Amino acid sequence: MKVAGVFLLFSLALCFYQGLAKVDAADVRGTEPSCDNFNVRRGCPKDFDPICGTDDVLYSNECLLCLHNLQRSAHVRIKNRGMCRTPRVNSALN
């Protein structure tokens, strides 16, 4: 009976871990920003609609993420809309 209980707990832990691994992989890939919606060469709006990039930098809005990609020849994607869980400070934006 004890062996069956240990096996059951191990199986549940393994299933839970695999579920988290899939979510983390999706976070890293992110979604493509809609940069065609903005004319980043003319500037970005000052509205605060936070975007967390796949570089874990918090951008004030999607346009600023697109501007960052254009200026740095980078390919940062949207990790999630809203605040980052563990934000990094982007010294280039300060």
C-alpha atoms as a PDB file:
ATOM      1  CA  MET A   1       0.000   0.000   0.000  1.00  0.00           C
ATOM      2  CA  LYS A   2       2.837   2.418   0.817  1.00  0.00           C
ATOM      3  CA  VAL A   3       4.535   1.705  -2.504  1.00  0.00           C
ATOM      4  CA  ALA A   4       1.321   2.474  -4.387  1.00  0.00           C
ATOM      5  CA  GLY A   5       0.928   5.767  -2.488  1.00  0.00           C
ATOM      6  CA  VAL A   6       4.499   6.826  -3.228  1.00  0.00           C
ATOM      7  CA  PHE A   7       4.063   5.902  -6.890  1.00  0.00           C
ATOM      8  CA  LEU A   8       0.831   7.921  -7.070  1.00  0.00           C
ATOM      9  CA  LEU A   9       2.458  11.000  -5.509  1.00  0.00           C
ATOM     10  CA  PHE A  10       5.456  10.701  -7.844  1.00  0.00           C
ATOM     11  CA  SER A  11       3.144  10.422 -10.870  1.00  0.00           C
ATOM     12  CA  LEU A  12       1.162  13.515  -9.829  1.00  0.00           C
ATOM     13  CA  ALA A  13       4.358  15.505  -9.268  1.00  0.00           C
ATOM     14  CA  LEU A  14       5.657  14.497 -12.694  1.00  0.00           C
ATOM     15  CA  CYS A  15       2.413  15.520 -14.409  1.00  0.00           C
ATOM     16  CA  PHE A  16       2.433  18.866 -12.589  1.00  0.00           C
ATOM     17  CA  TYR A  17       6.064  19.520 -13.563  1.00  0.00           C
ATOM     18  CA  GLN A  18       5.421  18.735 -17.241  1.00  0.00           C
ATOM     19  CA  GLY A  19       2.477  21.146 -17.249  1.00  0.00           C
ATOM     20  CA  LEU A  20       4.675  23.946 -15.913  1.00  0.00           C
ATOM     21  CA  ALA A  21       7.417  23.227 -18.443  1.00  0.00           C
ATOM     22  CA  LYS A  22       4.974  23.729 -21.330  1.00  0.00           C
ATOM     23  CA  VAL A  23       3.802  27.072 -19.944  1.00  0.00           C
ATOM     24  CA  ASP A  24       7.379  28.288 -19.460  1.00  0.00           C
ATOM     25  CA  ALA A  25       8.308  27.367 -23.033  1.00  0.00           C
ATOM     26  CA  ALA A  26       5.321  29.345 -24.337  1.00  0.00           C
ATOM     27  CA  ASP A  27       6.349  32.357 -22.238  1.00  0.00           C
ATOM     28  CA  VAL A  28       9.816  32.377 -23.777  1.00  0.00           C
ATOM     29  CA  ARG A  29       8.489  32.261 -27.356  1.00  0.00           C
ATOM     30  CA  GLY A  30       5.916  34.964 -26.726  1.00  0.00           C
ATOM     31  CA  THR A  31       3.687  36.541 -29.349  1.00  0.00           C
ATOM     32  CA  GLU A  32       4.688  38.866 -32.146  1.00  0.00           C
ATOM     33  CA  PRO A  33       3.962  42.565 -31.460  1.00  0.00           C
ATOM     34  CA  SER A  34       1.676  44.342 -33.943  1.00  0.00           C
ATOM     35  CA  CYS A  35       4.247  46.912 -35.042  1.00  0.00           C
ATOM     36  CA  ASP A  36       2.337  47.628 -38.280  1.00  0.00           C
ATOM     37  CA  ASN A  37      -0.304  49.356 -36.134  1.00  0.00           C
ATOM     38  CA  PHE A  38       2.193  52.093 -35.159  1.00  0.00           C
ATOM     39  CA  ASN A  39       4.285  54.640 -37.006  1.00  0.00           C
ATOM     40  CA  VAL A  40       7.248  54.279 -34.632  1.00  0.00           C
ATOM     41  CA  ARG A  41       9.415  56.637 -36.688  1.00  0.00           C
ATOM     42  CA  ARG A  42       7.044  59.493 -35.773  1.00  0.00           C
ATOM     43  CA  GLY A  43       6.932  58.534 -32.085  1.00  0.00           C
ATOM     44  CA  CYS A  44       4.842  56.513 -29.694  1.00  0.00           C
ATOM     45  CA  PRO A  45       1.828  57.528 -27.616  1.00  0.00           C
ATOM     46  CA  LYS A  46       2.436  58.177 -23.941  1.00  0.00           C
ATOM     47  CA  ASP A  47      -0.399  55.948 -22.738  1.00  0.00           C
ATOM     48  CA  PHE A  48       0.463  53.325 -20.127  1.00  0.00           C
ATOM     49  CA  ASP A  49      -0.589  49.888 -21.339  1.00  0.00           C
ATOM     50  CA  PRO A  50       2.230  47.722 -19.914  1.00  0.00           C
ATOM     51  CA  ILE A  51       3.814  44.967 -21.977  1.00  0.00           C
ATOM     52  CA  CYS A  52       6.312  42.444 -20.617  1.00  0.00           C
ATOM     53  CA  GLY A  53       8.836  41.525 -23.286  1.00  0.00           C
ATOM     54  CA  THR A  54      10.509  38.153 -23.695  1.00  0.00           C
ATOM     55  CA  ASP A  55      13.651  39.931 -22.434  1.00  0.00           C
ATOM     56  CA  ASP A  56      11.790  40.458 -19.094  1.00  0.00           C
ATOM     57  CA  VAL A  57      11.833  44.223 -19.592  1.00  0.00           C
ATOM     58  CA  LEU A  58       8.637  46.136 -18.865  1.00  0.00           C
ATOM     59  CA  TYR A  59       7.642  48.412 -21.762  1.00  0.00           C
ATOM     60  CA  SER A  60       5.072  51.150 -21.149  1.00  0.00           C
ATOM     61  CA  ASN A  61       3.172  50.121 -24.268  1.00  0.00           C
ATOM     62  CA  GLU A  62       3.451  47.930 -27.356  1.00  0.00           C
ATOM     63  CA  CYS A  63       4.677  50.804 -29.526  1.00  0.00           C
ATOM     64  CA  LEU A  64       7.720  51.295 -27.278  1.00  0.00           C
ATOM     65  CA  LEU A  65       8.556  47.595 -27.585  1.00  0.00           C
ATOM     66  CA  CYS A  66       8.397  48.005 -31.388  1.00  0.00           C
ATOM     67  CA  LEU A  67      10.588  51.102 -31.175  1.00  0.00           C
ATOM     68  CA  HIS A  68      13.116  49.176 -29.076  1.00  0.00           C
ATOM     69  CA  ASN A  69      13.198  46.408 -31.697  1.00  0.00           C
ATOM     70  CA  LEU A  70      13.698  48.940 -34.484  1.00  0.00           C
ATOM     71  CA  GLN A  71      16.467  50.891 -32.728  1.00  0.00           C
ATOM     72  CA  ARG A  72      18.383  47.855 -31.498  1.00  0.00           C
ATOM     73  CA  SER A  73      17.699  45.530 -34.452  1.00  0.00           C
ATOM     74  CA  ALA A  74      16.289  43.178 -31.831  1.00  0.00           C
ATOM     75  CA  HIS A  75      13.438  40.690 -31.943  1.00  0.00           C
ATOM     76  CA  VAL A  76      11.815  41.011 -28.532  1.00  0.00           C
ATOM     77  CA  ARG A  77       8.331  39.538 -28.466  1.00  0.00           C
ATOM     78  CA  ILE A  78       5.419  39.966 -26.045  1.00  0.00           C
ATOM     79  CA  LYS A  79       5.752  37.584 -23.123  1.00  0.00           C
ATOM     80  CA  ASN A  80       2.514  38.806 -21.561  1.00  0.00           C
ATOM     81  CA  ARG A  81       0.340  41.890 -21.376  1.00  0.00           C
ATOM     82  CA  GLY A  82       0.638  43.574 -18.017  1.00  0.00           C
ATOM     83  CA  MET A  83       3.442  43.710 -15.508  1.00  0.00           C
ATOM     84  CA  CYS A  84       6.427  41.352 -15.624  1.00  0.00           C
ATOM     85  CA  ARG A  85       6.731  38.854 -12.790  1.00  0.00           C
ATOM     86  CA  THR A  86      10.426  39.676 -12.361  1.00  0.00           C
ATOM     87  CA  PRO A  87      11.084  42.845 -14.356  1.00  0.00           C
ATOM     88  CA  ARG A  88      14.558  43.912 -15.431  1.00  0.00           C
ATOM     89  CA  VAL A  89      15.423  47.558 -15.731  1.00  0.00           C
ATOM     90  CA  ASN A  90      16.177  48.547 -19.311  1.00  0.00           C
ATOM     91  CA  SER A  91      18.982  51.089 -18.948  1.00  0.00           C
ATOM     92  CA  ALA A  92      18.530  52.223 -22.559  1.00  0.00           C
ATOM     93  CA  LEU A  93      15.053  53.524 -21.736  1.00  0.00           C
ATOM     94  CA  ASN A  94      16.143  55.527 -18.666  1.00  0.00           C
END
